[in-house]
PDB file of N, CA and C in Angstrom:
ATOM      1  N   MET A   1     -69.682  53.532  16.318  1.00  0.00           N
ATOM      2  CA  MET A   1     -69.034  54.974  16.385  1.00  0.00           C
ATOM      3  C   MET A   1     -70.276  55.309  17.412  1.00  0.00           C
ATOM      4  N   THR A   2     -70.890  56.337  18.036  1.00  0.00           N
ATOM      5  CA  THR A   2     -71.272  57.386  18.728  1.00  0.00           C
ATOM      6  C   THR A   2     -71.687  58.828  17.708  1.00  0.00           C
ATOM      7  N   ALA A   3     -73.114  59.471  17.634  1.00  0.00           N
ATOM      8  CA  ALA A   3     -73.116  60.371  16.910  1.00  0.00           C
ATOM      9  C   ALA A   3     -72.880  61.678  18.077  1.00  0.00           C
ATOM     10  N   HIS A   4     -72.753  61.349  19.130  1.00  0.00           N
ATOM     11  CA  HIS A   4     -72.440  62.145  20.185  1.00  0.00           C
ATOM     12  C   HIS A   4     -70.689  62.755  20.713  1.00  0.00           C
ATOM     13  N   GLY A   5     -70.365  63.222  19.575  1.00  0.00           N
ATOM     14  CA  GLY A   5     -68.476  63.351  19.849  1.00  0.00           C
ATOM     15  C   GLY A   5     -68.924  64.922  19.903  1.00  0.00           C
ATOM     16  N   PRO A   6     -68.001  65.333  20.128  1.00  0.00           N
ATOM     17  CA  PRO A   6     -67.994  66.974  20.432  1.00  0.00           C
ATOM     18  C   PRO A   6     -67.368  67.590  19.078  1.00  0.00           C
ATOM     19  N   VAL A   7     -68.207  68.731  19.223  1.00  0.00           N
ATOM     20  CA  VAL A   7     -68.019  69.899  17.965  1.00  0.00           C
ATOM     21  C   VAL A   7     -66.935  70.741  18.968  1.00  0.00           C
ATOM     22  N   MET A   8     -65.543  71.147  18.474  1.00  0.00           N
ATOM     23  CA  MET A   8     -64.845  71.842  18.203  1.00  0.00           C
ATOM     24  C   MET A   8     -64.809  73.338  18.014  1.00  0.00           C
ATOM     25  N   PRO A   9     -64.342  74.379  18.137  1.00  0.00           N
ATOM     26  CA  PRO A   9     -64.052  74.488  19.371  1.00  0.00           C
ATOM     27  C   PRO A   9     -64.997  75.028  20.497  1.00  0.00           C
ATOM     28  N   VAL A  10     -66.124  74.746  19.920  1.00  0.00           N
ATOM     29  CA  VAL A  10     -67.227  75.222  21.216  1.00  0.00           C
ATOM     30  C   VAL A  10     -67.247  73.932  21.903  1.00  0.00           C
ATOM     31  N   TRP A  11     -67.230  72.919  22.090  1.00  0.00           N
ATOM     32  CA  TRP A  11     -67.462  71.777  23.066  1.00  0.00           C
ATOM     33  C   TRP A  11     -68.899  71.717  23.285  1.00  0.00           C
ATOM     34  N   SER A  12     -69.763  71.716  21.951  1.00  0.00           N
ATOM     35  CA  SER A  12     -70.850  71.460  21.871  1.00  0.00           C
ATOM     36  C   SER A  12     -71.232  69.790  21.701  1.00  0.00           C
ATOM     37  N   CYS A  13     -72.043  69.225  21.903  1.00  0.00           N
ATOM     38  CA  CYS A  13     -72.343  67.883  21.093  1.00  0.00           C
ATOM     39  C   CYS A  13     -72.713  68.080  19.687  1.00  0.00           C
ATOM     40  N   GLY A  14     -72.149  67.140  19.058  1.00  0.00           N
ATOM     41  CA  GLY A  14     -73.040  66.717  17.466  1.00  0.00           C
ATOM     42  C   GLY A  14     -73.722  65.974  17.312  1.00  0.00           C
ATOM     43  N   GLY A  15     -74.346  65.073  18.320  1.00  0.00           N
ATOM     44  CA  GLY A  15     -75.644  64.602  18.658  1.00  0.00           C
ATOM     45  C   GLY A  15     -77.051  65.315  18.887  1.00  0.00           C
ATOM     46  N   CYS A  16     -76.727  66.257  20.037  1.00  0.00           N
ATOM     47  CA  CYS A  16     -77.933  66.454  20.830  1.00  0.00           C
ATOM     48  C   CYS A  16     -77.622  67.941  20.921  1.00  0.00           C
ATOM     49  N   GLY A  17     -76.896  68.492  20.716  1.00  0.00           N
ATOM     50  CA  GLY A  17     -76.124  70.004  20.680  1.00  0.00           C
ATOM     51  C   GLY A  17     -75.953  70.819  22.062  1.00  0.00           C
ATOM     52  N   LEU A  18     -76.017  69.587  23.117  1.00  0.00           N
ATOM     53  CA  LEU A  18     -75.674  70.049  24.838  1.00  0.00           C
ATOM     54  C   LEU A  18     -74.257  69.744  24.652  1.00  0.00           C
ATOM     55  N   PRO A  19     -74.047  70.706  26.127  1.00  0.00           N
ATOM     56  CA  PRO A  19     -72.362  70.709  26.455  1.00  0.00           C
ATOM     57  C   PRO A  19     -71.497  69.283  26.254  1.00  0.00           C
ATOM     58  N   TRP A  20     -70.837  69.048  25.684  1.00  0.00           N
ATOM     59  CA  TRP A  20     -70.213  67.982  25.643  1.00  0.00           C
ATOM     60  C   TRP A  20     -69.082  67.498  26.957  1.00  0.00           C
ATOM     61  N   PRO A  21     -69.234  66.157  27.338  1.00  0.00           N
ATOM     62  CA  PRO A  21     -69.665  65.283  27.259  1.00  0.00           C
ATOM     63  C   PRO A  21     -71.382  65.130  27.591  1.00  0.00           C
ATOM     64  N   CYS A  22     -72.403  64.863  27.006  1.00  0.00           N
ATOM     65  CA  CYS A  22     -73.219  65.175  27.125  1.00  0.00           C
ATOM     66  C   CYS A  22     -73.957  63.943  28.084  1.00  0.00           C
ATOM     67  N   PRO A  23     -75.147  63.747  28.449  1.00  0.00           N
ATOM     68  CA  PRO A  23     -75.684  62.533  29.139  1.00  0.00           C
ATOM     69  C   PRO A  23     -75.200  61.192  27.900  1.00  0.00           C
ATOM     70  N   THR A  24     -75.994  61.405  26.878  1.00  0.00           N
ATOM     71  CA  THR A  24     -76.027  60.083  26.246  1.00  0.00           C
ATOM     72  C   THR A  24     -74.399  59.970  26.089  1.00  0.00           C
ATOM     73  N   ARG A  25     -73.470  61.045  25.729  1.00  0.00           N
ATOM     74  CA  ARG A  25     -71.980  60.166  25.362  1.00  0.00           C
ATOM     75  C   ARG A  25     -71.522  59.626  27.040  1.00  0.00           C
ATOM     76  N   ARG A  26     -72.186  60.300  28.277  1.00  0.00           N
ATOM     77  CA  ARG A  26     -71.445  59.641  29.401  1.00  0.00           C
ATOM     78  C   ARG A  26     -72.081  58.284  29.891  1.00  0.00           C
ATOM     79  N   ARG A  27     -73.259  58.333  29.289  1.00  0.00           N
ATOM     80  CA  ARG A  27     -73.449  57.053  29.466  1.00  0.00           C
ATOM     81  C   ARG A  27     -72.402  56.100  28.549  1.00  0.00           C
ATOM     82  N   GLU A  28     -72.921  55.983  27.711  1.00  0.00           N
ATOM     83  CA  GLU A  28     -72.012  55.095  26.810  1.00  0.00           C
ATOM     84  C   GLU A  28     -70.368  55.344  26.970  1.00  0.00           C
ATOM     85  N   LEU A  29     -69.685  56.534  27.563  1.00  0.00           N
ATOM     86  CA  LEU A  29     -68.424  56.344  28.174  1.00  0.00           C
ATOM     87  C   LEU A  29     -68.075  55.128  29.074  1.00  0.00           C
ATOM     88  N   ARG A  30     -69.668  55.238  30.207  1.00  0.00           N
ATOM     89  CA  ARG A  30     -69.374  54.490  31.337  1.00  0.00           C
ATOM     90  C   ARG A  30     -69.184  53.457  30.867  1.00  0.00           C
ATOM     91  N   ALA A  31     -70.167  52.733  30.259  1.00  0.00           N
ATOM     92  CA  ALA A  31     -70.166  51.300  29.308  1.00  0.00           C
ATOM     93  C   ALA A  31     -69.115  50.710  29.066  1.00  0.00           C
ATOM     94  N   GLU A  32     -68.419  51.565  28.188  1.00  0.00           N
ATOM     95  CA  GLU A  32     -67.446  51.638  26.924  1.00  0.00           C
ATOM     96  C   GLU A  32     -65.970  51.130  28.237  1.00  0.00           C
ATOM     97  N   TYR A  33     -65.913  52.069  29.171  1.00  0.00           N
ATOM     98  CA  TYR A  33     -64.886  51.950  30.215  1.00  0.00           C
ATOM     99  C   TYR A  33     -65.147  51.540  31.364  1.00  0.00           C
ATOM    100  N   ALA A  34     -66.412  50.483  31.078  1.00  0.00           N
ATOM    101  CA  ALA A  34     -66.266  49.895  33.087  1.00  0.00           C
ATOM    102  C   ALA A  34     -65.617  49.428  33.806  1.00  0.00           C
ATOM    103  N   ASP A  35     -64.210  48.808  33.145  1.00  0.00           N
ATOM    104  CA  ASP A  35     -63.548  47.994  33.748  1.00  0.00           C
ATOM    105  C   ASP A  35     -62.330  48.435  33.780  1.00  0.00           C
ATOM    106  N   ALA A  36     -62.013  49.344  33.230  1.00  0.00           N
ATOM    107  CA  ALA A  36     -60.939  50.522  33.134  1.00  0.00           C
ATOM    108  C   ALA A  36     -61.014  52.186  33.535  1.00  0.00           C
ATOM    109  N   PRO A  37     -61.632  52.187  34.397  1.00  0.00           N
ATOM    110  CA  PRO A  37     -61.637  53.557  35.158  1.00  0.00           C
ATOM    111  C   PRO A  37     -60.395  54.470  34.768  1.00  0.00           C
ATOM    112  N   VAL A  38     -59.230  54.199  35.117  1.00  0.00           N
ATOM    113  CA  VAL A  38     -58.299  54.904  35.139  1.00  0.00           C
ATOM    114  C   VAL A  38     -57.999  55.800  33.706  1.00  0.00           C
ATOM    115  N   SER A  39     -58.062  54.229  32.502  1.00  0.00           N
ATOM    116  CA  SER A  39     -58.073  54.806  31.335  1.00  0.00           C
ATOM    117  C   SER A  39     -59.116  55.811  30.321  1.00  0.00           C
ATOM    118  N   LEU A  40     -60.588  56.056  31.399  1.00  0.00           N
ATOM    119  CA  LEU A  40     -61.662  56.781  31.012  1.00  0.00           C
ATOM    120  C   LEU A  40     -61.076  58.014  31.884  1.00  0.00           C
ATOM    121  N   ALA A  41     -60.875  57.947  32.582  1.00  0.00           N
ATOM    122  CA  ALA A  41     -59.844  59.278  33.428  1.00  0.00           C
ATOM    123  C   ALA A  41     -58.902  59.758  32.608  1.00  0.00           C
ATOM    124  N   LEU A  42     -58.056  59.458  32.004  1.00  0.00           N
ATOM    125  CA  LEU A  42     -56.918  59.511  30.956  1.00  0.00           C
ATOM    126  C   LEU A  42     -58.015  60.035  29.882  1.00  0.00           C
ATOM    127  N   TYR A  43     -58.415  59.475  29.287  1.00  0.00           N
ATOM    128  CA  TYR A  43     -58.910  59.860  28.340  1.00  0.00           C
ATOM    129  C   TYR A  43     -60.071  61.427  28.206  1.00  0.00           C
ATOM    130  N   LEU A  44     -60.219  61.234  29.250  1.00  0.00           N
ATOM    131  CA  LEU A  44     -61.441  62.659  29.355  1.00  0.00           C
ATOM    132  C   LEU A  44     -60.371  63.360  30.039  1.00  0.00           C
ATOM    133  N   GLY A  45     -59.499  63.440  30.243  1.00  0.00           N
ATOM    134  CA  GLY A  45     -57.830  64.572  30.989  1.00  0.00           C
ATOM    135  C   GLY A  45     -57.561  64.895  29.749  1.00  0.00           C
ATOM    136  N   SER A  46     -57.116  64.363  28.343  1.00  0.00           N
ATOM    137  CA  SER A  46     -56.781  64.835  27.263  1.00  0.00           C
ATOM    138  C   SER A  46     -57.969  65.764  26.731  1.00  0.00           C
ATOM    139  N   TYR A  47     -59.338  65.096  26.921  1.00  0.00           N
ATOM    140  CA  TYR A  47     -60.244  65.952  26.588  1.00  0.00           C
ATOM    141  C   TYR A  47     -60.283  67.757  27.243  1.00  0.00           C
ATOM    142  N   LEU A  48     -60.101  67.540  28.638  1.00  0.00           N
ATOM    143  CA  LEU A  48     -60.065  68.447  29.386  1.00  0.00           C
ATOM    144  C   LEU A  48     -58.636  69.258  29.279  1.00  0.00           C
ATOM    145  N   VAL A  49     -57.891  69.109  29.350  1.00  0.00           N
ATOM    146  CA  VAL A  49     -56.531  69.891  27.954  1.00  0.00           C
ATOM    147  C   VAL A  49     -57.107  70.274  26.908  1.00  0.00           C
ATOM    148  N   GLN A  50     -57.669  70.120  26.009  1.00  0.00           N
ATOM    149  CA  GLN A  50     -58.094  70.610  24.698  1.00  0.00           C
ATOM    150  C   GLN A  50     -58.543  71.892  25.454  1.00  0.00           C
ATOM    151  N   ALA A  51     -60.106  71.749  25.517  1.00  0.00           N
ATOM    152  CA  ALA A  51     -60.876  72.619  25.782  1.00  0.00           C
ATOM    153  C   ALA A  51     -60.401  73.208  26.820  1.00  0.00           C
ATOM    154  N   THR A  52     -59.389  73.898  27.724  1.00  0.00           N
ATOM    155  CA  THR A  52     -59.353  74.993  28.424  1.00  0.00           C
ATOM    156  C   THR A  52     -58.390  75.539  27.516  1.00  0.00           C
ATOM    157  N   GLU A  53     -57.693  75.063  26.135  1.00  0.00           N
ATOM    158  CA  GLU A  53     -56.881  75.500  25.534  1.00  0.00           C
ATOM    159  C   GLU A  53     -58.269  76.624  24.120  1.00  0.00           C
ATOM    160  N   ASP A  54     -59.516  75.792  23.763  1.00  0.00           N
ATOM    161  CA  ASP A  54     -59.843  76.353  22.876  1.00  0.00           C
ATOM    162  C   ASP A  54     -61.220  77.451  23.657  1.00  0.00           C
ATOM    163  N   MET A  55     -61.016  76.916  25.429  1.00  0.00           N
ATOM    164  CA  MET A  55     -62.582  77.947  26.047  1.00  0.00           C
ATOM    165  C   MET A  55     -61.344  79.073  27.262  1.00  0.00           C
ATOM    166  N   PRO A  56     -60.278  79.741  26.959  1.00  0.00           N
ATOM    167  CA  PRO A  56     -59.718  80.206  28.073  1.00  0.00           C
ATOM    168  C   PRO A  56     -60.597  80.497  29.250  1.00  0.00           C
ATOM    169  N   TRP A  57     -61.892  81.504  28.511  1.00  0.00           N
ATOM    170  CA  TRP A  57     -62.390  82.405  29.637  1.00  0.00           C
ATOM    171  C   TRP A  57     -63.335  81.090  30.299  1.00  0.00           C
ATOM    172  N   THR A  58     -63.486  80.307  30.153  1.00  0.00           N
ATOM    173  CA  THR A  58     -64.065  79.038  31.078  1.00  0.00           C
ATOM    174  C   THR A  58     -63.454  78.930  32.899  1.00  0.00           C
ATOM    175  N   PRO A  59     -63.988  79.040  33.669  1.00  0.00           N
ATOM    176  CA  PRO A  59     -63.017  78.706  34.651  1.00  0.00           C
ATOM    177  C   PRO A  59     -62.888  76.977  34.778  1.00  0.00           C
ATOM    178  N   ALA A  60     -61.578  76.922  35.691  1.00  0.00           N
ATOM    179  CA  ALA A  60     -61.096  75.508  35.433  1.00  0.00           C
ATOM    180  C   ALA A  60     -62.052  74.559  36.376  1.00  0.00           C
ATOM    181  N   GLY A  61     -62.706  75.259  36.883  1.00  0.00           N
ATOM    182  CA  GLY A  61     -63.871  74.447  37.928  1.00  0.00           C
ATOM    183  C   GLY A  61     -64.679  73.749  37.576  1.00  0.00           C
ATOM    184  N   VAL A  62     -65.185  74.679  36.851  1.00  0.00           N
ATOM    185  CA  VAL A  62     -66.652  74.567  35.870  1.00  0.00           C
ATOM    186  C   VAL A  62     -65.987  73.460  34.199  1.00  0.00           C
ATOM    187  N   LEU A  63     -65.051  73.149  33.937  1.00  0.00           N
ATOM    188  CA  LEU A  63     -64.516  72.522  32.815  1.00  0.00           C
ATOM    189  C   LEU A  63     -64.214  71.034  33.678  1.00  0.00           C
ATOM    190  N   HIS A  64     -63.200  71.331  35.227  1.00  0.00           N
ATOM    191  CA  HIS A  64     -62.978  69.964  35.508  1.00  0.00           C
ATOM    192  C   HIS A  64     -64.182  69.412  36.153  1.00  0.00           C
ATOM    193  N   ARG A  65     -65.402  69.712  36.532  1.00  0.00           N
ATOM    194  CA  ARG A  65     -66.307  69.127  37.022  1.00  0.00           C
ATOM    195  C   ARG A  65     -67.242  68.323  35.176  1.00  0.00           C
ATOM    196  N   ARG A  66     -67.317  69.607  34.725  1.00  0.00           N
ATOM    197  CA  ARG A  66     -68.281  69.249  33.108  1.00  0.00           C
ATOM    198  C   ARG A  66     -66.779  67.408  32.437  1.00  0.00           C
ATOM    199  N   PHE A  67     -65.670  67.660  32.772  1.00  0.00           N
ATOM    200  CA  PHE A  67     -65.274  66.621  31.760  1.00  0.00           C
ATOM    201  C   PHE A  67     -64.634  65.546  32.925  1.00  0.00           C
ATOM    202  N   LEU A  68     -64.411  65.961  34.202  1.00  0.00           N
ATOM    203  CA  LEU A  68     -63.787  64.663  34.832  1.00  0.00           C
ATOM    204  C   LEU A  68     -64.547  64.324  36.151  1.00  0.00           C
ATOM    205  N   GLY A  69     -65.350  65.320  37.049  1.00  0.00           N
ATOM    206  CA  GLY A  69     -66.462  65.085  37.739  1.00  0.00           C
ATOM    207  C   GLY A  69     -66.718  63.892  37.780  1.00  0.00           C
ATOM    208  N   TRP A  70     -67.852  63.856  36.595  1.00  0.00           N
ATOM    209  CA  TRP A  70     -69.309  63.081  36.424  1.00  0.00           C
ATOM    210  C   TRP A  70     -68.260  61.954  36.583  1.00  0.00           C
ATOM    211  N   ALA A  71     -67.356  61.719  36.378  1.00  0.00           N
ATOM    212  CA  ALA A  71     -66.594  59.942  36.241  1.00  0.00           C
ATOM    213  C   ALA A  71     -66.387  59.035  37.344  1.00  0.00           C
ATOM    214  N   ARG A  72     -66.780  60.365  38.394  1.00  0.00           N
ATOM    215  CA  ARG A  72     -66.020  59.271  39.674  1.00  0.00           C
ATOM    216  C   ARG A  72     -67.568  58.805  40.345  1.00  0.00           C
ATOM    217  N   ALA A  73     -68.260  59.622  40.002  1.00  0.00           N
ATOM    218  CA  ALA A  73     -69.672  58.987  40.745  1.00  0.00           C
ATOM    219  C   ALA A  73     -70.111  57.768  40.120  1.00  0.00           C
ATOM    220  N   ALA A  74     -70.398  57.081  41.467  1.00  0.00           N
ATOM    221  CA  ALA A  74     -70.780  55.503  41.475  1.00  0.00           C
ATOM    222  C   ALA A  74     -72.346  55.216  40.683  1.00  0.00           C
ATOM    223  N   ASP A  75     -72.811  56.109  40.482  1.00  0.00           N
ATOM    224  CA  ASP A  75     -74.265  55.957  40.048  1.00  0.00           C
ATOM    225  C   ASP A  75     -74.470  56.920  38.800  1.00  0.00           C
ATOM    226  N   PRO A  76     -74.441  56.690  37.995  1.00  0.00           N
ATOM    227  CA  PRO A  76     -74.480  57.719  36.629  1.00  0.00           C
ATOM    228  C   PRO A  76     -75.524  58.903  36.657  1.00  0.00           C
ATOM    229  N   SER A  77     -76.482  58.663  37.607  1.00  0.00           N
ATOM    230  CA  SER A  77     -77.403  59.617  37.682  1.00  0.00           C
ATOM    231  C   SER A  77     -77.088  60.279  39.027  1.00  0.00           C
ATOM    232  N   THR A  78     -75.827  60.249  39.998  1.00  0.00           N
ATOM    233  CA  THR A  78     -75.492  61.175  41.068  1.00  0.00           C
ATOM    234  C   THR A  78     -74.163  62.263  40.697  1.00  0.00           C
ATOM    235  N   PRO A  79     -74.723  63.227  40.451  1.00  0.00           N
ATOM    236  CA  PRO A  79     -73.512  64.187  40.557  1.00  0.00           C
ATOM    237  C   PRO A  79     -71.949  63.845  41.230  1.00  0.00           C
ATOM    238  N   ALA A  80     -70.770  63.861  41.042  1.00  0.00           N
ATOM    239  CA  ALA A  80     -69.553  63.590  41.818  1.00  0.00           C
ATOM    240  C   ALA A  80     -69.805  65.451  42.612  1.00  0.00           C
ATOM    241  N   VAL A  81     -69.107  64.960  43.378  1.00  0.00           N
ATOM    242  CA  VAL A  81     -69.009  66.155  44.383  1.00  0.00           C
ATOM    243  C   VAL A  81     -67.629  66.890  44.136  1.00  0.00           C
TER     244      VAL A  81
END
């Protein structure tokens, strides 16, 4: 189990305090879902829905990039467009 879980409703990381999913959690999720990218997208999408309810003032594009945009990048160090 990771220490880098989300602290709701502010959606910060419980392990490092950065916005969740933090870089550490992103690496963990990439490894965990390496052979199941669609499952990763569904998992992150469910968190995106919860985050939109908790943070209605945050623009949708910002939340989309935060929760899903990075998951499509081939290289974890390369941000998704």
